[in-house]
Amino acid sequence: MEAKLHISHHVSRLSLHCFSFLKPTITYLHSISRQKTYHLILRKSTSKQKYYIRKQKESNLLGKDKIKRRTRSQ
């Protein structure tokens, strides 16, 4: 299932209550940010009902260092 989200680069966690119909498994979403398309991974945490969005390593437009920092912060 695909959906379009318009988020900023600094957003790392979102409470997506409207996406409760999504499967708890990994779901790929397309996000248009700064007129560029990024592939995002939507994961459902087991402890809290929040979805953690993590950018794939394929989106190397921001640089590998920044992406690694964001994935470690989660």
PDB file of N, CA and C in Angstrom:
ATOM      1  N   MET A   1       0.849  -1.188   0.000  1.00  0.00           N
ATOM      2  CA  MET A   1       0.000   0.000   0.000  1.00  0.00           C
ATOM      3  C   MET A   1       0.886   1.240   0.000  1.00  0.00           C
ATOM      4  N   GLU A   2       0.524   2.211  -0.816  1.00  0.00           N
ATOM      5  CA  GLU A   2       1.341   3.409  -0.927  1.00  0.00           C
ATOM      6  C   GLU A   2       0.535   4.633  -0.520  1.00  0.00           C
ATOM      7  N   ALA A   3       1.224   5.591   0.035  1.00  0.00           N
ATOM      8  CA  ALA A   3       0.584   6.847   0.417  1.00  0.00           C
ATOM      9  C   ALA A   3       1.603   7.954   0.260  1.00  0.00           C
ATOM     10  N   LYS A   4       1.116   9.168   0.120  1.00  0.00           N
ATOM     11  CA  LYS A   4       2.011  10.305  -0.043  1.00  0.00           C
ATOM     12  C   LYS A   4       1.977  11.156   1.220  1.00  0.00           C
ATOM     13  N   LEU A   5       3.160  11.471   1.732  1.00  0.00           N
ATOM     14  CA  LEU A   5       3.270  12.302   2.920  1.00  0.00           C
ATOM     15  C   LEU A   5       4.163  13.485   2.615  1.00  0.00           C
ATOM     16  N   HIS A   6       3.781  14.641   3.118  1.00  0.00           N
ATOM     17  CA  HIS A   6       4.595  15.839   2.936  1.00  0.00           C
ATOM     18  C   HIS A   6       5.179  16.208   4.290  1.00  0.00           C
ATOM     19  N   ILE A   7       6.457  15.863   4.492  1.00  0.00           N
ATOM     20  CA  ILE A   7       7.097  16.112   5.781  1.00  0.00           C
ATOM     21  C   ILE A   7       8.408  16.833   5.553  1.00  0.00           C
ATOM     22  N   SER A   8       8.938  17.372   6.614  1.00  0.00           N
ATOM     23  CA  SER A   8      10.220  18.058   6.528  1.00  0.00           C
ATOM     24  C   SER A   8      11.342  17.067   6.815  1.00  0.00           C
ATOM     25  N   HIS A   9      12.572  17.490   6.526  1.00  0.00           N
ATOM     26  CA  HIS A   9      13.713  16.602   6.725  1.00  0.00           C
ATOM     27  C   HIS A   9      13.989  16.377   8.210  1.00  0.00           C
ATOM     28  N   HIS A  10      13.562  17.310   9.044  1.00  0.00           N
ATOM     29  CA  HIS A  10      13.891  17.223  10.459  1.00  0.00           C
ATOM     30  C   HIS A  10      12.907  16.349  11.229  1.00  0.00           C
ATOM     31  N   VAL A  11      11.826  15.945  10.579  1.00  0.00           N
ATOM     32  CA  VAL A  11      10.840  15.118  11.268  1.00  0.00           C
ATOM     33  C   VAL A  11      11.347  13.684  11.312  1.00  0.00           C
ATOM     34  N   SER A  12      11.515  13.143  12.497  1.00  0.00           N
ATOM     35  CA  SER A  12      11.998  11.772  12.631  1.00  0.00           C
ATOM     36  C   SER A  12      10.919  10.839  13.161  1.00  0.00           C
ATOM     37  N   ARG A  13       9.967  11.365  13.927  1.00  0.00           N
ATOM     38  CA  ARG A  13       8.910  10.518  14.488  1.00  0.00           C
ATOM     39  C   ARG A  13       7.567  11.191  14.263  1.00  0.00           C
ATOM     40  N   LEU A  14       6.597  10.398  13.883  1.00  0.00           N
ATOM     41  CA  LEU A  14       5.254  10.925  13.654  1.00  0.00           C
ATOM     42  C   LEU A  14       4.236   9.976  14.262  1.00  0.00           C
ATOM     43  N   SER A  15       3.203  10.539  14.870  1.00  0.00           N
ATOM     44  CA  SER A  15       2.095   9.726  15.352  1.00  0.00           C
ATOM     45  C   SER A  15       1.028   9.718  14.268  1.00  0.00           C
ATOM     46  N   LEU A  16       1.000   8.634  13.522  1.00  0.00           N
ATOM     47  CA  LEU A  16       0.087   8.558  12.389  1.00  0.00           C
ATOM     48  C   LEU A  16      -1.140   7.746  12.788  1.00  0.00           C
ATOM     49  N   HIS A  17      -2.090   8.409  13.438  1.00  0.00           N
ATOM     50  CA  HIS A  17      -3.301   7.712  13.842  1.00  0.00           C
ATOM     51  C   HIS A  17      -4.196   7.442  12.635  1.00  0.00           C
ATOM     52  N   CYS A  18      -4.104   8.300  11.616  1.00  0.00           N
ATOM     53  CA  CYS A  18      -4.946   8.116  10.443  1.00  0.00           C
ATOM     54  C   CYS A  18      -4.476   6.937   9.601  1.00  0.00           C
ATOM     55  N   PHE A  19      -3.275   6.437   9.858  1.00  0.00           N
ATOM     56  CA  PHE A  19      -2.753   5.306   9.109  1.00  0.00           C
ATOM     57  C   PHE A  19      -2.871   4.010   9.909  1.00  0.00           C
ATOM     58  N   SER A  20      -3.897   3.920  10.728  1.00  0.00           N
ATOM     59  CA  SER A  20      -4.065   2.716  11.535  1.00  0.00           C
ATOM     60  C   SER A  20      -4.418   1.506  10.678  1.00  0.00           C
ATOM     61  N   PHE A  21      -4.867   1.755   9.438  1.00  0.00           N
ATOM     62  CA  PHE A  21      -5.244   0.646   8.569  1.00  0.00           C
ATOM     63  C   PHE A  21      -4.029  -0.035   7.958  1.00  0.00           C
ATOM     64  N   LEU A  22      -2.858   0.572   8.124  1.00  0.00           N
ATOM     65  CA  LEU A  22      -1.656  -0.014   7.545  1.00  0.00           C
ATOM     66  C   LEU A  22      -1.243  -1.256   8.322  1.00  0.00           C
ATOM     67  N   LYS A  23      -0.543  -2.136   7.635  1.00  0.00           N
ATOM     68  CA  LYS A  23      -0.069  -3.348   8.282  1.00  0.00           C
ATOM     69  C   LYS A  23       1.031  -3.003   9.283  1.00  0.00           C
ATOM     70  N   PRO A  24       1.179  -3.762  10.365  1.00  0.00           N
ATOM     71  CA  PRO A  24       2.249  -3.496  11.336  1.00  0.00           C
ATOM     72  C   PRO A  24       3.635  -3.795  10.771  1.00  0.00           C
ATOM     73  N   THR A  25       3.676  -4.470   9.633  1.00  0.00           N
ATOM     74  CA  THR A  25       4.970  -4.755   9.024  1.00  0.00           C
ATOM     75  C   THR A  25       5.491  -3.517   8.321  1.00  0.00           C
ATOM     76  N   ILE A  26       6.640  -3.660   7.705  1.00  0.00           N
ATOM     77  CA  ILE A  26       7.271  -2.521   7.043  1.00  0.00           C
ATOM     78  C   ILE A  26       6.444  -2.105   5.835  1.00  0.00           C
ATOM     79  N   THR A  27       6.159  -0.829   5.745  1.00  0.00           N
ATOM     80  CA  THR A  27       5.385  -0.284   4.638  1.00  0.00           C
ATOM     81  C   THR A  27       6.171   0.852   4.020  1.00  0.00           C
ATOM     82  N   TYR A  28       6.246   0.834   2.709  1.00  0.00           N
ATOM     83  CA  TYR A  28       7.004   1.863   2.014  1.00  0.00           C
ATOM     84  C   TYR A  28       6.084   3.015   1.635  1.00  0.00           C
ATOM     85  N   LEU A  29       6.539   4.207   1.890  1.00  0.00           N
ATOM     86  CA  LEU A  29       5.786   5.405   1.557  1.00  0.00           C
ATOM     87  C   LEU A  29       6.631   6.310   0.687  1.00  0.00           C
ATOM     88  N   HIS A  30       5.962   7.141  -0.076  1.00  0.00           N
ATOM     89  CA  HIS A  30       6.656   8.123  -0.890  1.00  0.00           C
ATOM     90  C   HIS A  30       6.439   9.498  -0.273  1.00  0.00           C
ATOM     91  N   SER A  31       7.500  10.192  -0.042  1.00  0.00           N
ATOM     92  CA  SER A  31       7.426  11.515   0.562  1.00  0.00           C
ATOM     93  C   SER A  31       8.048  12.533  -0.376  1.00  0.00           C
ATOM     94  N   ILE A  32       7.303  13.600  -0.636  1.00  0.00           N
ATOM     95  CA  ILE A  32       7.822  14.673  -1.471  1.00  0.00           C
ATOM     96  C   ILE A  32       8.306  15.788  -0.553  1.00  0.00           C
ATOM     97  N   SER A  33       9.602  16.001  -0.523  1.00  0.00           N
ATOM     98  CA  SER A  33      10.175  17.020   0.335  1.00  0.00           C
ATOM     99  C   SER A  33      11.224  17.787  -0.451  1.00  0.00           C
ATOM    100  N   ARG A  34      11.119  19.093  -0.428  1.00  0.00           N
ATOM    101  CA  ARG A  34      12.018  19.952  -1.195  1.00  0.00           C
ATOM    102  C   ARG A  34      12.031  19.564  -2.672  1.00  0.00           C
ATOM    103  N   GLN A  35      10.846  19.272  -3.200  1.00  0.00           N
ATOM    104  CA  GLN A  35      10.665  18.905  -4.604  1.00  0.00           C
ATOM    105  C   GLN A  35      11.496  17.689  -4.991  1.00  0.00           C
ATOM    106  N   LYS A  36      11.752  16.813  -4.041  1.00  0.00           N
ATOM    107  CA  LYS A  36      12.477  15.577  -4.330  1.00  0.00           C
ATOM    108  C   LYS A  36      11.759  14.416  -3.658  1.00  0.00           C
ATOM    109  N   THR A  37      11.806  13.271  -4.275  1.00  0.00           N
ATOM    110  CA  THR A  37      11.101  12.108  -3.755  1.00  0.00           C
ATOM    111  C   THR A  37      12.046  11.268  -2.901  1.00  0.00           C
ATOM    112  N   TYR A  38      11.588  10.920  -1.713  1.00  0.00           N
ATOM    113  CA  TYR A  38      12.378  10.087  -0.810  1.00  0.00           C
ATOM    114  C   TYR A  38      11.580   8.828  -0.479  1.00  0.00           C
ATOM    115  N   HIS A  39      12.252   7.704  -0.443  1.00  0.00           N
ATOM    116  CA  HIS A  39      11.615   6.455  -0.054  1.00  0.00           C
ATOM    117  C   HIS A  39      11.765   6.306   1.460  1.00  0.00           C
ATOM    118  N   LEU A  40      10.654   6.143   2.126  1.00  0.00           N
ATOM    119  CA  LEU A  40      10.675   6.064   3.582  1.00  0.00           C
ATOM    120  C   LEU A  40      10.215   4.684   4.038  1.00  0.00           C
ATOM    121  N   ILE A  41      10.688   4.298   5.191  1.00  0.00           N
ATOM    122  CA  ILE A  41      10.278   3.035   5.796  1.00  0.00           C
ATOM    123  C   ILE A  41       9.394   3.346   7.001  1.00  0.00           C
ATOM    124  N   LEU A  42       8.206   2.777   7.011  1.00  0.00           N
ATOM    125  CA  LEU A  42       7.272   3.012   8.107  1.00  0.00           C
ATOM    126  C   LEU A  42       7.245   1.778   8.995  1.00  0.00           C
ATOM    127  N   ARG A  43       7.728   1.928  10.210  1.00  0.00           N
ATOM    128  CA  ARG A  43       7.760   0.813  11.145  1.00  0.00           C
ATOM    129  C   ARG A  43       6.821   1.098  12.316  1.00  0.00           C
ATOM    130  N   LYS A  44       6.162   0.061  12.770  1.00  0.00           N
ATOM    131  CA  LYS A  44       5.288   0.201  13.934  1.00  0.00           C
ATOM    132  C   LYS A  44       6.010  -0.363  15.149  1.00  0.00           C
ATOM    133  N   SER A  45       6.166   0.466  16.147  1.00  0.00           N
ATOM    134  CA  SER A  45       6.861   0.023  17.350  1.00  0.00           C
ATOM    135  C   SER A  45       5.927  -0.849  18.183  1.00  0.00           C
ATOM    136  N   THR A  46       6.497  -1.795  18.914  1.00  0.00           N
ATOM    137  CA  THR A  46       5.688  -2.710  19.706  1.00  0.00           C
ATOM    138  C   THR A  46       5.292  -2.092  21.039  1.00  0.00           C
ATOM    139  N   SER A  47       6.135  -1.225  21.588  1.00  0.00           N
ATOM    140  CA  SER A  47       5.859  -0.661  22.903  1.00  0.00           C
ATOM    141  C   SER A  47       4.836   0.467  22.825  1.00  0.00           C
ATOM    142  N   LYS A  48       4.993   1.338  21.842  1.00  0.00           N
ATOM    143  CA  LYS A  48       4.087   2.472  21.717  1.00  0.00           C
ATOM    144  C   LYS A  48       3.413   2.436  20.350  1.00  0.00           C
ATOM    145  N   GLN A  49       2.218   2.975  20.285  1.00  0.00           N
ATOM    146  CA  GLN A  49       1.494   3.001  19.017  1.00  0.00           C
ATOM    147  C   GLN A  49       1.932   4.200  18.197  1.00  0.00           C
ATOM    148  N   LYS A  50       3.211   4.217  17.869  1.00  0.00           N
ATOM    149  CA  LYS A  50       3.750   5.285  17.039  1.00  0.00           C
ATOM    150  C   LYS A  50       4.498   4.663  15.872  1.00  0.00           C
ATOM    151  N   TYR A  51       4.537   5.400  14.786  1.00  0.00           N
ATOM    152  CA  TYR A  51       5.226   4.913  13.603  1.00  0.00           C
ATOM    153  C   TYR A  51       6.520   5.691  13.439  1.00  0.00           C
ATOM    154  N   TYR A  52       7.612   4.956  13.367  1.00  0.00           N
ATOM    155  CA  TYR A  52       8.911   5.582  13.222  1.00  0.00           C
ATOM    156  C   TYR A  52       9.309   5.557  11.751  1.00  0.00           C
ATOM    157  N   ILE A  53       9.569   6.725  11.221  1.00  0.00           N
ATOM    158  CA  ILE A  53       9.925   6.840   9.814  1.00  0.00           C
ATOM    159  C   ILE A  53      11.435   6.975   9.698  1.00  0.00           C
ATOM    160  N   ARG A  54      12.021   6.101   8.919  1.00  0.00           N
ATOM    161  CA  ARG A  54      13.463   6.128   8.729  1.00  0.00           C
ATOM    162  C   ARG A  54      13.754   6.136   7.235  1.00  0.00           C
ATOM    163  N   LYS A  55      14.617   7.039   6.839  1.00  0.00           N
ATOM    164  CA  LYS A  55      14.933   7.145   5.424  1.00  0.00           C
ATOM    165  C   LYS A  55      15.842   5.999   4.997  1.00  0.00           C
ATOM    166  N   GLN A  56      15.621   5.539   3.790  1.00  0.00           N
ATOM    167  CA  GLN A  56      16.465   4.487   3.260  1.00  0.00           C
ATOM    168  C   GLN A  56      17.836   5.049   2.915  1.00  0.00           C
ATOM    169  N   LYS A  57      18.805   4.152   2.843  1.00  0.00           N
ATOM    170  CA  LYS A  57      20.158   4.573   2.501  1.00  0.00           C
ATOM    171  C   LYS A  57      20.263   4.983   1.038  1.00  0.00           C
ATOM    172  N   GLU A  58      19.246   4.635   0.243  1.00  0.00           N
ATOM    173  CA  GLU A  58      19.276   4.995  -1.170  1.00  0.00           C
ATOM    174  C   GLU A  58      19.186   6.504  -1.364  1.00  0.00           C
ATOM    175  N   SER A  59      18.538   7.187  -0.433  1.00  0.00           N
ATOM    176  CA  SER A  59      18.400   8.638  -0.567  1.00  0.00           C
ATOM    177  C   SER A  59      19.669   9.305  -0.054  1.00  0.00           C
ATOM    178  N   ASN A  60      20.718   9.216  -0.841  1.00  0.00           N
ATOM    179  CA  ASN A  60      22.018   9.744  -0.437  1.00  0.00           C
ATOM    180  C   ASN A  60      22.174  11.212  -0.825  1.00  0.00           C
ATOM    181  N   LEU A  61      21.058  11.905  -1.078  1.00  0.00           N
ATOM    182  CA  LEU A  61      21.141  13.311  -1.457  1.00  0.00           C
ATOM    183  C   LEU A  61      21.535  14.175  -0.262  1.00  0.00           C
ATOM    184  N   LEU A  62      21.188  13.704   0.949  1.00  0.00           N
ATOM    185  CA  LEU A  62      21.505  14.485   2.144  1.00  0.00           C
ATOM    186  C   LEU A  62      22.888  14.144   2.681  1.00  0.00           C
ATOM    187  N   GLY A  63      23.466  13.078   2.203  1.00  0.00           N
ATOM    188  CA  GLY A  63      24.762  12.660   2.727  1.00  0.00           C
ATOM    189  C   GLY A  63      24.608  11.484   3.661  1.00  0.00           C
ATOM    190  N   LYS A  64      25.582  10.584   3.642  1.00  0.00           N
ATOM    191  CA  LYS A  64      25.479   9.373   4.448  1.00  0.00           C
ATOM    192  C   LYS A  64      25.609   9.667   5.936  1.00  0.00           C
ATOM    193  N   ASP A  65      26.375  10.699   6.284  1.00  0.00           N
ATOM    194  CA  ASP A  65      26.588  10.988   7.703  1.00  0.00           C
ATOM    195  C   ASP A  65      25.292  11.407   8.376  1.00  0.00           C
ATOM    196  N   LYS A  66      24.543  12.301   7.718  1.00  0.00           N
ATOM    197  CA  LYS A  66      23.300  12.776   8.318  1.00  0.00           C
ATOM    198  C   LYS A  66      22.291  11.646   8.453  1.00  0.00           C
ATOM    199  N   ILE A  67      22.253  10.769   7.458  1.00  0.00           N
ATOM    200  CA  ILE A  67      21.311   9.657   7.518  1.00  0.00           C
ATOM    201  C   ILE A  67      21.682   8.710   8.654  1.00  0.00           C
ATOM    202  N   LYS A  68      22.973   8.457   8.840  1.00  0.00           N
ATOM    203  CA  LYS A  68      23.400   7.569   9.918  1.00  0.00           C
ATOM    204  C   LYS A  68      23.071   8.178  11.278  1.00  0.00           C
ATOM    205  N   ARG A  69      23.240   9.493  11.399  1.00  0.00           N
ATOM    206  CA  ARG A  69      22.929  10.138  12.672  1.00  0.00           C
ATOM    207  C   ARG A  69      21.449  10.005  12.998  1.00  0.00           C
ATOM    208  N   ARG A  70      20.597  10.167  11.987  1.00  0.00           N
ATOM    209  CA  ARG A  70      19.162  10.087  12.239  1.00  0.00           C
ATOM    210  C   ARG A  70      18.747   8.667  12.600  1.00  0.00           C
ATOM    211  N   THR A  71      19.368   7.678  11.975  1.00  0.00           N
ATOM    212  CA  THR A  71      18.997   6.308  12.299  1.00  0.00           C
ATOM    213  C   THR A  71      19.500   5.925  13.688  1.00  0.00           C
ATOM    214  N   ARG A  72      20.643   6.462  14.101  1.00  0.00           N
ATOM    215  CA  ARG A  72      21.154   6.156  15.437  1.00  0.00           C
ATOM    216  C   ARG A  72      20.320   6.827  16.519  1.00  0.00           C
ATOM    217  N   SER A  73      19.788   8.016  16.221  1.00  0.00           N
ATOM    218  CA  SER A  73      19.021   8.741  17.234  1.00  0.00           C
ATOM    219  C   SER A  73      17.748   7.998  17.595  1.00  0.00           C
ATOM    220  N   GLN A  74      17.254   7.184  16.683  1.00  0.00           N
ATOM    221  CA  GLN A  74      16.054   6.419  16.985  1.00  0.00           C
ATOM    222  C   GLN A  74      16.405   5.235  17.877  1.00  0.00           C
TER     223      GLN A  74
END
